[in-house]
PDB file of N, CA and C in Angstrom:
ATOM      1  N   UNK A   1     -54.353  15.422  75.849  1.00  0.00           N
ATOM      2  CA  UNK A   1     -55.019  15.900  74.698  1.00  0.00           C
ATOM      3  C   UNK A   1     -54.035  16.481  73.698  1.00  0.00           C
ATOM      4  N   UNK A   2     -53.041  17.133  74.186  1.00  0.00           N
ATOM      5  CA  UNK A   2     -52.026  17.711  73.326  1.00  0.00           C
ATOM      6  C   UNK A   2     -51.282  16.608  72.583  1.00  0.00           C
ATOM      7  N   UNK A   3     -51.094  15.470  73.246  1.00  0.00           N
ATOM      8  CA  UNK A   3     -50.398  14.354  72.604  1.00  0.00           C
ATOM      9  C   UNK A   3     -51.218  13.791  71.463  1.00  0.00           C
ATOM     10  N   UNK A   4     -52.516  13.690  71.638  1.00  0.00           N
ATOM     11  CA  UNK A   4     -53.392  13.146  70.607  1.00  0.00           C
ATOM     12  C   UNK A   4     -53.394  14.079  69.398  1.00  0.00           C
ATOM     13  N   UNK A   5     -53.429  15.376  69.637  1.00  0.00           N
ATOM     14  CA  UNK A   5     -53.407  16.331  68.537  1.00  0.00           C
ATOM     15  C   UNK A   5     -52.062  16.261  67.807  1.00  0.00           C
ATOM     16  N   UNK A   6     -51.003  16.069  68.572  1.00  0.00           N
ATOM     17  CA  UNK A   6     -49.674  15.974  67.979  1.00  0.00           C
ATOM     18  C   UNK A   6     -49.578  14.732  67.105  1.00  0.00           C
ATOM     19  N   UNK A   7     -50.116  13.600  67.558  1.00  0.00           N
ATOM     20  CA  UNK A   7     -50.091  12.368  66.787  1.00  0.00           C
ATOM     21  C   UNK A   7     -50.949  12.510  65.537  1.00  0.00           C
ATOM     22  N   UNK A   8     -52.100  13.156  65.668  1.00  0.00           N
ATOM     23  CA  UNK A   8     -52.979  13.332  64.521  1.00  0.00           C
ATOM     24  C   UNK A   8     -52.319  14.233  63.475  1.00  0.00           C
ATOM     25  N   UNK A   9     -51.650  15.293  63.947  1.00  0.00           N
ATOM     26  CA  UNK A   9     -51.005  16.176  62.983  1.00  0.00           C
ATOM     27  C   UNK A   9     -49.818  15.481  62.325  1.00  0.00           C
ATOM     28  N   UNK A  10     -49.117  14.616  63.060  1.00  0.00           N
ATOM     29  CA  UNK A  10     -48.003  13.900  62.446  1.00  0.00           C
ATOM     30  C   UNK A  10     -48.513  12.853  61.466  1.00  0.00           C
ATOM     31  N   UNK A  11     -49.692  12.274  61.712  1.00  0.00           N
ATOM     32  CA  UNK A  11     -50.290  11.320  60.790  1.00  0.00           C
ATOM     33  C   UNK A  11     -50.691  12.055  59.518  1.00  0.00           C
ATOM     34  N   UNK A  12     -51.229  13.263  59.660  1.00  0.00           N
ATOM     35  CA  UNK A  12     -51.626  14.030  58.484  1.00  0.00           C
ATOM     36  C   UNK A  12     -50.404  14.487  57.690  1.00  0.00           C
ATOM     37  N   UNK A  13     -49.303  14.756  58.312  1.00  0.00           N
ATOM     38  CA  UNK A  13     -48.104  15.246  57.627  1.00  0.00           C
ATOM     39  C   UNK A  13     -47.337  14.112  56.958  1.00  0.00           C
ATOM     40  N   UNK A  14     -47.336  12.938  57.541  1.00  0.00           N
ATOM     41  CA  UNK A  14     -46.584  11.835  56.950  1.00  0.00           C
ATOM     42  C   UNK A  14     -47.452  11.117  55.934  1.00  0.00           C
ATOM     43  N   UNK A  15     -46.832  10.693  54.830  1.00  0.00           N
ATOM     44  CA  UNK A  15     -47.618  10.010  53.809  1.00  0.00           C
ATOM     45  C   UNK A  15     -48.104   8.647  54.316  1.00  0.00           C
ATOM     46  N   UNK A  16     -49.185   8.236  53.783  1.00  0.00           N
ATOM     47  CA  UNK A  16     -49.720   6.951  54.208  1.00  0.00           C
ATOM     48  C   UNK A  16     -48.948   5.821  53.535  1.00  0.00           C
ATOM     49  N   UNK A  17     -49.087   4.646  54.067  1.00  0.00           N
ATOM     50  CA  UNK A  17     -48.398   3.477  53.523  1.00  0.00           C
ATOM     51  C   UNK A  17     -48.867   3.218  52.100  1.00  0.00           C
ATOM     52  N   UNK A  18     -50.130   3.390  51.837  1.00  0.00           N
ATOM     53  CA  UNK A  18     -50.651   3.185  50.479  1.00  0.00           C
ATOM     54  C   UNK A  18     -50.012   4.166  49.498  1.00  0.00           C
ATOM     55  N   UNK A  19     -49.843   5.390  49.928  1.00  0.00           N
ATOM     56  CA  UNK A  19     -49.230   6.412  49.078  1.00  0.00           C
ATOM     57  C   UNK A  19     -47.772   6.051  48.775  1.00  0.00           C
ATOM     58  N   UNK A  20     -47.064   5.605  49.798  1.00  0.00           N
ATOM     59  CA  UNK A  20     -45.659   5.202  49.603  1.00  0.00           C
ATOM     60  C   UNK A  20     -45.598   4.019  48.655  1.00  0.00           C
ATOM     61  N   UNK A  21     -46.463   3.052  48.840  1.00  0.00           N
ATOM     62  CA  UNK A  21     -46.500   1.871  47.980  1.00  0.00           C
ATOM     63  C   UNK A  21     -46.801   2.260  46.534  1.00  0.00           C
ATOM     64  N   UNK A  22     -47.768   3.175  46.351  1.00  0.00           N
ATOM     65  CA  UNK A  22     -48.122   3.634  45.007  1.00  0.00           C
ATOM     66  C   UNK A  22     -46.938   4.332  44.342  1.00  0.00           C
ATOM     67  N   UNK A  23     -46.279   5.184  45.088  1.00  0.00           N
ATOM     68  CA  UNK A  23     -45.127   5.915  44.536  1.00  0.00           C
ATOM     69  C   UNK A  23     -43.985   4.958  44.182  1.00  0.00           C
ATOM     70  N   UNK A  24     -43.760   3.955  45.037  1.00  0.00           N
ATOM     71  CA  UNK A  24     -42.714   2.964  44.761  1.00  0.00           C
ATOM     72  C   UNK A  24     -43.050   2.200  43.483  1.00  0.00           C
ATOM     73  N   UNK A  25     -44.321   1.825  43.334  1.00  0.00           N
ATOM     74  CA  UNK A  25     -44.755   1.104  42.141  1.00  0.00           C
ATOM     75  C   UNK A  25     -44.577   1.971  40.894  1.00  0.00           C
ATOM     76  N   UNK A  26     -44.903   3.249  40.991  1.00  0.00           N
ATOM     77  CA  UNK A  26     -44.718   4.173  39.868  1.00  0.00           C
ATOM     78  C   UNK A  26     -43.248   4.283  39.494  1.00  0.00           C
ATOM     79  N   UNK A  27     -42.383   4.336  40.501  1.00  0.00           N
ATOM     80  CA  UNK A  27     -40.943   4.429  40.238  1.00  0.00           C
ATOM     81  C   UNK A  27     -40.445   3.164  39.538  1.00  0.00           C
ATOM     82  N   UNK A  28     -40.894   2.004  39.985  1.00  0.00           N
ATOM     83  CA  UNK A  28     -40.507   0.744  39.352  1.00  0.00           C
ATOM     84  C   UNK A  28     -40.987   0.716  37.905  1.00  0.00           C
ATOM     85  N   UNK A  29     -42.217   1.174  37.668  1.00  0.00           N
ATOM     86  CA  UNK A  29     -42.750   1.218  36.310  1.00  0.00           C
ATOM     87  C   UNK A  29     -41.945   2.167  35.427  1.00  0.00           C
ATOM     88  N   UNK A  30     -41.565   3.322  35.965  1.00  0.00           N
ATOM     89  CA  UNK A  30     -40.733   4.271  35.209  1.00  0.00           C
ATOM     90  C   UNK A  30     -39.378   3.656  34.879  1.00  0.00           C
ATOM     91  N   UNK A  31     -38.797   2.974  35.863  1.00  0.00           N
ATOM     92  CA  UNK A  31     -37.497   2.326  35.633  1.00  0.00           C
ATOM     93  C   UNK A  31     -37.627   1.268  34.548  1.00  0.00           C
ATOM     94  N   UNK A  32     -38.667   0.447  34.631  1.00  0.00           N
ATOM     95  CA  UNK A  32     -38.875  -0.593  33.617  1.00  0.00           C
ATOM     96  C   UNK A  32     -39.121   0.019  32.244  1.00  0.00           C
ATOM     97  N   UNK A  33     -39.868   1.108  32.200  1.00  0.00           N
ATOM     98  CA  UNK A  33     -40.106   1.795  30.927  1.00  0.00           C
ATOM     99  C   UNK A  33     -38.799   2.336  30.354  1.00  0.00           C
ATOM    100  N   UNK A  34     -37.981   2.922  31.193  1.00  0.00           N
ATOM    101  CA  UNK A  34     -36.684   3.455  30.740  1.00  0.00           C
ATOM    102  C   UNK A  34     -35.773   2.326  30.271  1.00  0.00           C
ATOM    103  N   UNK A  35     -35.811   1.193  30.967  1.00  0.00           N
ATOM    104  CA  UNK A  35     -35.006   0.047  30.545  1.00  0.00           C
ATOM    105  C   UNK A  35     -35.461  -0.461  29.175  1.00  0.00           C
ATOM    106  N   UNK A  36     -36.763  -0.537  28.986  1.00  0.00           N
ATOM    107  CA  UNK A  36     -37.293  -0.969  27.692  1.00  0.00           C
ATOM    108  C   UNK A  36     -36.892   0.025  26.604  1.00  0.00           C
ATOM    109  N   UNK A  37     -36.959   1.302  26.932  1.00  0.00           N
ATOM    110  CA  UNK A  37     -36.550   2.336  25.980  1.00  0.00           C
ATOM    111  C   UNK A  37     -35.064   2.218  25.666  1.00  0.00           C
ATOM    112  N   UNK A  38     -34.248   1.988  26.677  1.00  0.00           N
ATOM    113  CA  UNK A  38     -32.806   1.803  26.473  1.00  0.00           C
ATOM    114  C   UNK A  38     -32.532   0.591  25.582  1.00  0.00           C
ATOM    115  N   UNK A  39     -33.249  -0.498  25.842  1.00  0.00           N
ATOM    116  CA  UNK A  39     -33.074  -1.709  25.042  1.00  0.00           C
ATOM    117  C   UNK A  39     -33.449  -1.458  23.593  1.00  0.00           C
ATOM    118  N   UNK A  40     -34.550  -0.755  23.402  1.00  0.00           N
ATOM    119  CA  UNK A  40     -34.993  -0.414  22.046  1.00  0.00           C
ATOM    120  C   UNK A  40     -33.951   0.451  21.340  1.00  0.00           C
ATOM    121  N   UNK A  41     -33.409   1.420  22.069  1.00  0.00           N
ATOM    122  CA  UNK A  41     -32.392   2.303  21.504  1.00  0.00           C
ATOM    123  C   UNK A  41     -31.135   1.502  21.142  1.00  0.00           C
ATOM    124  N   UNK A  42     -30.719   0.578  22.002  1.00  0.00           N
ATOM    125  CA  UNK A  42     -29.534  -0.231  21.733  1.00  0.00           C
ATOM    126  C   UNK A  42     -29.771  -1.157  20.542  1.00  0.00           C
ATOM    127  N   UNK A  43     -30.975  -1.728  20.429  1.00  0.00           N
ATOM    128  CA  UNK A  43     -31.293  -2.573  19.278  1.00  0.00           C
ATOM    129  C   UNK A  43     -31.219  -1.776  17.991  1.00  0.00           C
ATOM    130  N   UNK A  44     -31.765  -0.568  18.020  1.00  0.00           N
ATOM    131  CA  UNK A  44     -31.724   0.299  16.848  1.00  0.00           C
ATOM    132  C   UNK A  44     -30.280   0.669  16.499  1.00  0.00           C
ATOM    133  N   UNK A  45     -29.494   0.998  17.515  1.00  0.00           N
ATOM    134  CA  UNK A  45     -28.087   1.336  17.301  1.00  0.00           C
ATOM    135  C   UNK A  45     -27.345   0.148  16.697  1.00  0.00           C
ATOM    136  N   UNK A  46     -27.609  -1.059  17.211  1.00  0.00           N
ATOM    137  CA  UNK A  46     -26.952  -2.253  16.709  1.00  0.00           C
ATOM    138  C   UNK A  46     -27.307  -2.490  15.242  1.00  0.00           C
ATOM    139  N   UNK A  47     -28.576  -2.343  14.900  1.00  0.00           N
ATOM    140  CA  UNK A  47     -29.001  -2.525  13.507  1.00  0.00           C
ATOM    141  C   UNK A  47     -28.302  -1.527  12.585  1.00  0.00           C
ATOM    142  N   UNK A  48     -28.265  -0.261  13.006  1.00  0.00           N
ATOM    143  CA  UNK A  48     -27.615   0.765  12.182  1.00  0.00           C
ATOM    144  C   UNK A  48     -26.123   0.499  12.062  1.00  0.00           C
ATOM    145  N   UNK A  49     -25.514   0.056  13.145  1.00  0.00           N
ATOM    146  CA  UNK A  49     -24.084  -0.247  13.123  1.00  0.00           C
ATOM    147  C   UNK A  49     -23.800  -1.412  12.181  1.00  0.00           C
ATOM    148  N   UNK A  50     -24.627  -2.443  12.234  1.00  0.00           N
ATOM    149  CA  UNK A  50     -24.458  -3.588  11.335  1.00  0.00           C
ATOM    150  C   UNK A  50     -24.608  -3.139   9.882  1.00  0.00           C
ATOM    151  N   UNK A  51     -25.596  -2.275   9.617  1.00  0.00           N
ATOM    152  CA  UNK A  51     -25.787  -1.760   8.260  1.00  0.00           C
ATOM    153  C   UNK A  51     -24.543  -1.006   7.782  1.00  0.00           C
ATOM    154  N   UNK A  52     -24.005  -0.145   8.648  1.00  0.00           N
ATOM    155  CA  UNK A  52     -22.820   0.646   8.273  1.00  0.00           C
ATOM    156  C   UNK A  52     -21.608  -0.252   8.058  1.00  0.00           C
ATOM    157  N   UNK A  53     -21.419  -1.222   8.944  1.00  0.00           N
ATOM    158  CA  UNK A  53     -20.275  -2.130   8.808  1.00  0.00           C
ATOM    159  C   UNK A  53     -20.406  -2.933   7.518  1.00  0.00           C
ATOM    160  N   UNK A  54     -21.611  -3.414   7.231  1.00  0.00           N
ATOM    161  CA  UNK A  54     -21.842  -4.163   5.994  1.00  0.00           C
ATOM    162  C   UNK A  54     -21.565  -3.278   4.780  1.00  0.00           C
ATOM    163  N   UNK A  55     -22.034  -2.048   4.839  1.00  0.00           N
ATOM    164  CA  UNK A  55     -21.806  -1.110   3.734  1.00  0.00           C
ATOM    165  C   UNK A  55     -20.313  -0.860   3.533  1.00  0.00           C
ATOM    166  N   UNK A  56     -19.590  -0.649   4.635  1.00  0.00           N
ATOM    167  CA  UNK A  56     -18.146  -0.409   4.534  1.00  0.00           C
ATOM    168  C   UNK A  56     -17.419  -1.642   3.988  1.00  0.00           C
ATOM    169  N   UNK A  57     -17.842  -2.821   4.414  1.00  0.00           N
ATOM    170  CA  UNK A  57     -17.234  -4.056   3.907  1.00  0.00           C
ATOM    171  C   UNK A  57     -17.452  -4.182   2.401  1.00  0.00           C
ATOM    172  N   UNK A  58     -18.653  -3.852   1.951  1.00  0.00           N
ATOM    173  CA  UNK A  58     -18.943  -3.915   0.525  1.00  0.00           C
ATOM    174  C   UNK A  58     -18.068  -2.921  -0.246  1.00  0.00           C
ATOM    175  N   UNK A  59     -17.898  -1.728   0.302  1.00  0.00           N
ATOM    176  CA  UNK A  59     -17.042  -0.736  -0.350  1.00  0.00           C
ATOM    177  C   UNK A  59     -15.594  -1.224  -0.398  1.00  0.00           C
ATOM    178  N   UNK A  60     -15.139  -1.822   0.711  1.00  0.00           N
ATOM    179  CA  UNK A  60     -13.767  -2.326   0.749  1.00  0.00           C
ATOM    180  C   UNK A  60     -13.583  -3.474  -0.242  1.00  0.00           C
ATOM    181  N   UNK A  61     -14.579  -4.349  -0.344  1.00  0.00           N
ATOM    182  CA  UNK A  61     -14.508  -5.435  -1.326  1.00  0.00           C
ATOM    183  C   UNK A  61     -14.442  -4.876  -2.737  1.00  0.00           C
ATOM    184  N   UNK A  62     -15.280  -3.881  -3.012  1.00  0.00           N
ATOM    185  CA  UNK A  62     -15.266  -3.257  -4.336  1.00  0.00           C
ATOM    186  C   UNK A  62     -13.901  -2.670  -4.651  1.00  0.00           C
ATOM    187  N   UNK A  63     -13.327  -1.980  -3.680  1.00  0.00           N
ATOM    188  CA  UNK A  63     -11.994  -1.397  -3.883  1.00  0.00           C
ATOM    189  C   UNK A  63     -10.957  -2.503  -4.069  1.00  0.00           C
ATOM    190  N   UNK A  64     -11.070  -3.545  -3.257  1.00  0.00           N
ATOM    191  CA  UNK A  64     -10.125  -4.657  -3.344  1.00  0.00           C
ATOM    192  C   UNK A  64     -10.190  -5.299  -4.730  1.00  0.00           C
ATOM    193  N   UNK A  65     -11.404  -5.516  -5.252  1.00  0.00           N
ATOM    194  CA  UNK A  65     -11.541  -6.119  -6.569  1.00  0.00           C
ATOM    195  C   UNK A  65     -11.013  -5.196  -7.661  1.00  0.00           C
ATOM    196  N   UNK A  66     -11.181  -3.893  -7.480  1.00  0.00           N
ATOM    197  CA  UNK A  66     -10.628  -2.935  -8.436  1.00  0.00           C
ATOM    198  C   UNK A  66      -9.101  -3.030  -8.451  1.00  0.00           C
ATOM    199  N   UNK A  67      -8.514  -3.115  -7.265  1.00  0.00           N
ATOM    200  CA  UNK A  67      -7.053  -3.258  -7.169  1.00  0.00           C
ATOM    201  C   UNK A  67      -6.603  -4.579  -7.798  1.00  0.00           C
ATOM    202  N   UNK A  68      -7.348  -5.665  -7.500  1.00  0.00           N
ATOM    203  CA  UNK A  68      -7.013  -6.964  -8.095  1.00  0.00           C
ATOM    204  C   UNK A  68      -7.050  -6.897  -9.612  1.00  0.00           C
ATOM    205  N   UNK A  69      -8.077  -6.239 -10.132  1.00  0.00           N
ATOM    206  CA  UNK A  69      -8.219  -6.142 -11.578  1.00  0.00           C
ATOM    207  C   UNK A  69      -7.048  -5.368 -12.183  1.00  0.00           C
ATOM    208  N   UNK A  70      -6.690  -4.259 -11.533  1.00  0.00           N
ATOM    209  CA  UNK A  70      -5.537  -3.480 -12.016  1.00  0.00           C
ATOM    210  C   UNK A  70      -4.258  -4.295 -11.956  1.00  0.00           C
ATOM    211  N   UNK A  71      -4.066  -5.018 -10.849  1.00  0.00           N
ATOM    212  CA  UNK A  71      -2.872  -5.864 -10.723  1.00  0.00           C
ATOM    213  C   UNK A  71      -2.865  -6.966 -11.772  1.00  0.00           C
ATOM    214  N   UNK A  72      -4.023  -7.546 -12.027  1.00  0.00           N
ATOM    215  CA  UNK A  72      -4.115  -8.612 -13.040  1.00  0.00           C
ATOM    216  C   UNK A  72      -3.751  -8.069 -14.417  1.00  0.00           C
ATOM    217  N   UNK A  73      -4.243  -6.876 -14.735  1.00  0.00           N
ATOM    218  CA  UNK A  73      -3.909  -6.262 -16.026  1.00  0.00           C
ATOM    219  C   UNK A  73      -2.407  -6.025 -16.123  1.00  0.00           C
ATOM    220  N   UNK A  74      -1.798  -5.503 -15.052  1.00  0.00           N
ATOM    221  CA  UNK A  74      -0.350  -5.265 -15.050  1.00  0.00           C
ATOM    222  C   UNK A  74       0.416  -6.574 -15.190  1.00  0.00           C
ATOM    223  N   UNK A  75      -0.037  -7.605 -14.456  1.00  0.00           N
ATOM    224  CA  UNK A  75       0.642  -8.903 -14.543  1.00  0.00           C
ATOM    225  C   UNK A  75       0.516  -9.493 -15.936  1.00  0.00           C
ATOM    226  N   UNK A  76      -0.642  -9.311 -16.563  1.00  0.00           N
ATOM    227  CA  UNK A  76      -0.845  -9.841 -17.910  1.00  0.00           C
ATOM    228  C   UNK A  76       0.135  -9.187 -18.888  1.00  0.00           C
ATOM    229  N   UNK A  77       0.325  -7.881 -18.742  1.00  0.00           N
ATOM    230  CA  UNK A  77       1.283  -7.170 -19.598  1.00  0.00           C
ATOM    231  C   UNK A  77       2.694  -7.704 -19.354  1.00  0.00           C
ATOM    232  N   UNK A  78       3.052  -7.852 -18.075  1.00  0.00           N
ATOM    233  CA  UNK A  78       4.392  -8.343 -17.740  1.00  0.00           C
ATOM    234  C   UNK A  78       4.594  -9.778 -18.237  1.00  0.00           C
ATOM    235  N   UNK A  79       3.575 -10.613 -18.097  1.00  0.00           N
ATOM    236  CA  UNK A  79       3.683 -11.999 -18.572  1.00  0.00           C
ATOM    237  C   UNK A  79       3.831 -12.037 -20.093  1.00  0.00           C
ATOM    238  N   UNK A  80       3.123 -11.147 -20.779  1.00  0.00           N
ATOM    239  CA  UNK A  80       3.257 -11.081 -22.234  1.00  0.00           C
ATOM    240  C   UNK A  80       4.679 -10.661 -22.617  1.00  0.00           C
ATOM    241  N   UNK A  81       5.203  -9.671 -21.909  1.00  0.00           N
ATOM    242  CA  UNK A  81       6.581  -9.236 -22.170  1.00  0.00           C
ATOM    243  C   UNK A  81       7.561 -10.366 -21.880  1.00  0.00           C
ATOM    244  N   UNK A  82       7.351 -11.082 -20.779  1.00  0.00           N
ATOM    245  CA  UNK A  82       8.228 -12.210 -20.425  1.00  0.00           C
ATOM    246  C   UNK A  82       8.160 -13.286 -21.497  1.00  0.00           C
ATOM    247  N   UNK A  83       6.957 -13.569 -21.976  1.00  0.00           N
ATOM    248  CA  UNK A  83       6.789 -14.571 -23.027  1.00  0.00           C
ATOM    249  C   UNK A  83       7.550 -14.169 -24.295  1.00  0.00           C
ATOM    250  N   UNK A  84       7.463 -12.901 -24.657  1.00  0.00           N
ATOM    251  CA  UNK A  84       8.181 -12.417 -25.832  1.00  0.00           C
ATOM    252  C   UNK A  84       9.694 -12.515 -25.638  1.00  0.00           C
ATOM    253  N   UNK A  85      10.177 -12.179 -24.436  1.00  0.00           N
ATOM    254  CA  UNK A  85      11.609 -12.272 -24.145  1.00  0.00           C
ATOM    255  C   UNK A  85      12.057 -13.733 -24.198  1.00  0.00           C
ATOM    256  N   UNK A  86      11.258 -14.636 -23.639  1.00  0.00           N
ATOM    257  CA  UNK A  86      11.615 -16.058 -23.655  1.00  0.00           C
ATOM    258  C   UNK A  86      11.614 -16.604 -25.082  1.00  0.00           C
ATOM    259  N   UNK A  87      10.648 -16.176 -25.892  1.00  0.00           N
ATOM    260  CA  UNK A  87      10.634 -16.578 -27.303  1.00  0.00           C
ATOM    261  C   UNK A  87      11.892 -16.099 -28.009  1.00  0.00           C
ATOM    262  N   UNK A  88      12.265 -14.853 -27.744  1.00  0.00           N
ATOM    263  CA  UNK A  88      13.473 -14.292 -28.340  1.00  0.00           C
ATOM    264  C   UNK A  88      14.708 -15.064 -27.882  1.00  0.00           C
ATOM    265  N   UNK A  89      14.763 -15.406 -26.595  1.00  0.00           N
ATOM    266  CA  UNK A  89      15.900 -16.185 -26.069  1.00  0.00           C
ATOM    267  C   UNK A  89      15.969 -17.558 -26.731  1.00  0.00           C
ATOM    268  N   UNK A  90      14.800 -18.175 -26.927  1.00  0.00           N
ATOM    269  CA  UNK A  90      14.758 -19.496 -27.580  1.00  0.00           C
ATOM    270  C   UNK A  90      15.284 -19.393 -29.008  1.00  0.00           C
ATOM    271  N   UNK A  91      14.863 -18.359 -29.736  1.00  0.00           N
ATOM    272  CA  UNK A  91      15.332 -18.162 -31.111  1.00  0.00           C
ATOM    273  C   UNK A  91      16.836 -17.901 -31.140  1.00  0.00           C
ATOM    274  N   UNK A  92      17.295 -17.036 -30.219  1.00  0.00           N
ATOM    275  CA  UNK A  92      18.730 -16.743 -30.169  1.00  0.00           C
ATOM    276  C   UNK A  92      19.534 -17.986 -29.801  1.00  0.00           C
ATOM    277  N   UNK A  93      19.019 -18.796 -28.896  1.00  0.00           N
ATOM    278  CA  UNK A  93      19.697 -20.031 -28.512  1.00  0.00           C
ATOM    279  C   UNK A  93      19.781 -20.980 -29.709  1.00  0.00           C
ATOM    280  N   UNK A  94      18.685 -21.077 -30.480  1.00  0.00           N
ATOM    281  CA  UNK A  94      18.671 -21.918 -31.674  1.00  0.00           C
ATOM    282  C   UNK A  94      19.694 -21.408 -32.701  1.00  0.00           C
ATOM    283  N   UNK A  95      19.715 -20.107 -32.914  1.00  0.00           N
ATOM    284  CA  UNK A  95      20.668 -19.510 -33.847  1.00  0.00           C
ATOM    285  C   UNK A  95      22.102 -19.738 -33.377  1.00  0.00           C
ATOM    286  N   UNK A  96      22.315 -19.625 -32.061  1.00  0.00           N
ATOM    287  CA  UNK A  96      23.648 -19.859 -31.505  1.00  0.00           C
ATOM    288  C   UNK A  96      24.082 -21.305 -31.718  1.00  0.00           C
ATOM    289  N   UNK A  97      23.161 -22.242 -31.521  1.00  0.00           N
ATOM    290  CA  UNK A  97      23.475 -23.655 -31.766  1.00  0.00           C
ATOM    291  C   UNK A  97      23.802 -23.895 -33.232  1.00  0.00           C
ATOM    292  N   UNK A  98      23.023 -23.266 -34.125  1.00  0.00           N
ATOM    293  CA  UNK A  98      23.299 -23.401 -35.563  1.00  0.00           C
ATOM    294  C   UNK A  98      24.666 -22.813 -35.906  1.00  0.00           C
ATOM    295  N   UNK A  99      24.984 -21.662 -35.327  1.00  0.00           N
ATOM    296  CA  UNK A  99      26.276 -21.035 -35.586  1.00  0.00           C
ATOM    297  C   UNK A  99      27.394 -21.901 -35.028  1.00  0.00           C
ATOM    298  N   UNK A 100      27.169 -22.480 -33.864  1.00  0.00           N
ATOM    299  CA  UNK A 100      28.181 -23.339 -33.257  1.00  0.00           C
ATOM    300  C   UNK A 100      28.406 -24.582 -34.112  1.00  0.00           C
ATOM    301  N   UNK A 101      27.307 -25.152 -34.635  1.00  0.00           N
ATOM    302  CA  UNK A 101      27.444 -26.324 -35.511  1.00  0.00           C
ATOM    303  C   UNK A 101      28.150 -25.939 -36.816  1.00  0.00           C
ATOM    304  N   UNK A 102      27.833 -24.758 -37.332  1.00  0.00           N
ATOM    305  CA  UNK A 102      28.484 -24.297 -38.567  1.00  0.00           C
ATOM    306  C   UNK A 102      29.971 -24.101 -38.331  1.00  0.00           C
ATOM    307  N   UNK A 103      30.333 -23.543 -37.194  1.00  0.00           N
ATOM    308  CA  UNK A 103      31.748 -23.358 -36.865  1.00  0.00           C
ATOM    309  C   UNK A 103      32.440 -24.700 -36.685  1.00  0.00           C
ATOM    310  N   UNK A 104      31.748 -25.655 -36.078  1.00  0.00           N
ATOM    311  CA  UNK A 104      32.335 -26.985 -35.892  1.00  0.00           C
ATOM    312  C   UNK A 104      32.579 -27.639 -37.246  1.00  0.00           C
ATOM    313  N   UNK A 105      31.604 -27.518 -38.145  1.00  0.00           N
ATOM    314  CA  UNK A 105      31.780 -28.063 -39.499  1.00  0.00           C
ATOM    315  C   UNK A 105      32.921 -27.360 -40.222  1.00  0.00           C
ATOM    316  N   UNK A 106      33.011 -26.075 -40.109  1.00  0.00           N
ATOM    317  CA  UNK A 106      34.074 -25.297 -40.746  1.00  0.00           C
ATOM    318  C   UNK A 106      35.430 -25.717 -40.199  1.00  0.00           C
ATOM    319  N   UNK A 107      35.504 -25.934 -38.888  1.00  0.00           N
ATOM    320  CA  UNK A 107      36.747 -26.359 -38.254  1.00  0.00           C
ATOM    321  C   UNK A 107      37.153 -27.745 -38.782  1.00  0.00           C
ATOM    322  N   UNK A 108      36.152 -28.617 -38.919  1.00  0.00           N
ATOM    323  CA  UNK A 108      36.442 -29.952 -39.459  1.00  0.00           C
ATOM    324  C   UNK A 108      36.948 -29.849 -40.887  1.00  0.00           C
ATOM    325  N   UNK A 109      36.241 -29.008 -41.678  1.00  0.00           N
ATOM    326  CA  UNK A 109      36.641 -28.838 -43.074  1.00  0.00           C
ATOM    327  C   UNK A 109      38.056 -28.271 -43.158  1.00  0.00           C
ATOM    328  N   UNK A 110      38.351 -27.297 -42.313  1.00  0.00           N
ATOM    329  CA  UNK A 110      39.701 -26.716 -42.318  1.00  0.00           C
ATOM    330  C   UNK A 110      40.724 -27.738 -41.864  1.00  0.00           C
ATOM    331  N   UNK A 111      40.365 -28.558 -40.890  1.00  0.00           N
ATOM    332  CA  UNK A 111      41.261 -29.589 -40.415  1.00  0.00           C
ATOM    333  C   UNK A 111      41.535 -30.628 -41.493  1.00  0.00           C
ATOM    334  N   UNK A 112      40.501 -30.989 -42.266  1.00  0.00           N
ATOM    335  CA  UNK A 112      40.669 -31.977 -43.335  1.00  0.00           C
ATOM    336  C   UNK A 112      41.478 -31.390 -44.467  1.00  0.00           C
ATOM    337  N   UNK A 113      41.235 -30.144 -44.799  1.00  0.00           N
ATOM    338  CA  UNK A 113      41.941 -29.489 -45.894  1.00  0.00           C
ATOM    339  C   UNK A 113      43.421 -29.329 -45.541  1.00  0.00           C
ATOM    340  N   UNK A 114      43.701 -29.020 -44.309  1.00  0.00           N
ATOM    341  CA  UNK A 114      45.104 -28.858 -43.910  1.00  0.00           C
ATOM    342  C   UNK A 114      45.793 -30.228 -43.919  1.00  0.00           C
ATOM    343  N   UNK A 115      45.078 -31.275 -43.568  1.00  0.00           N
ATOM    344  CA  UNK A 115      45.662 -32.625 -43.581  1.00  0.00           C
ATOM    345  C   UNK A 115      45.905 -33.049 -45.016  1.00  0.00           C
ATOM    346  N   UNK A 116      45.007 -32.698 -45.924  1.00  0.00           N
ATOM    347  CA  UNK A 116      45.148 -33.088 -47.317  1.00  0.00           C
ATOM    348  C   UNK A 116      46.295 -32.324 -47.962  1.00  0.00           C
ATOM    349  N   UNK A 117      46.475 -31.114 -47.619  1.00  0.00           N
ATOM    350  CA  UNK A 117      47.515 -30.287 -48.207  1.00  0.00           C
ATOM    351  C   UNK A 117      48.874 -30.670 -47.705  1.00  0.00           C
ATOM    352  N   UNK A 118      49.003 -31.339 -46.666  1.00  0.00           N
ATOM    353  CA  UNK A 118      50.316 -31.657 -46.136  1.00  0.00           C
ATOM    354  C   UNK A 118      50.817 -32.913 -46.665  1.00  0.00           C
TER     355      UNK A 118
END
């Protein structure tokens, strides 16, 4: 009789199989809910990260174009200065050729005059 009472009390103290099954199912549901929540959080994080990266890229492009524009303005000034220097060199070269031709003519004239005088 003592054994039967002991078995009955141990049956009352230990959870039933249905209770264990229910608790296991609840735990699985909680895990699945947490996984879904984690996935949702990661999707949200990814969207925000993409937005921030896109925003930063746009800012960098804007800065890059500003730098390009400044460089283009500087290059335009330098090209204008180079063009003016090249024009000046062309004029000086033309003047030098004219002076060289004038000197050649003068040398010829002096050579002819010296030949005539002798």
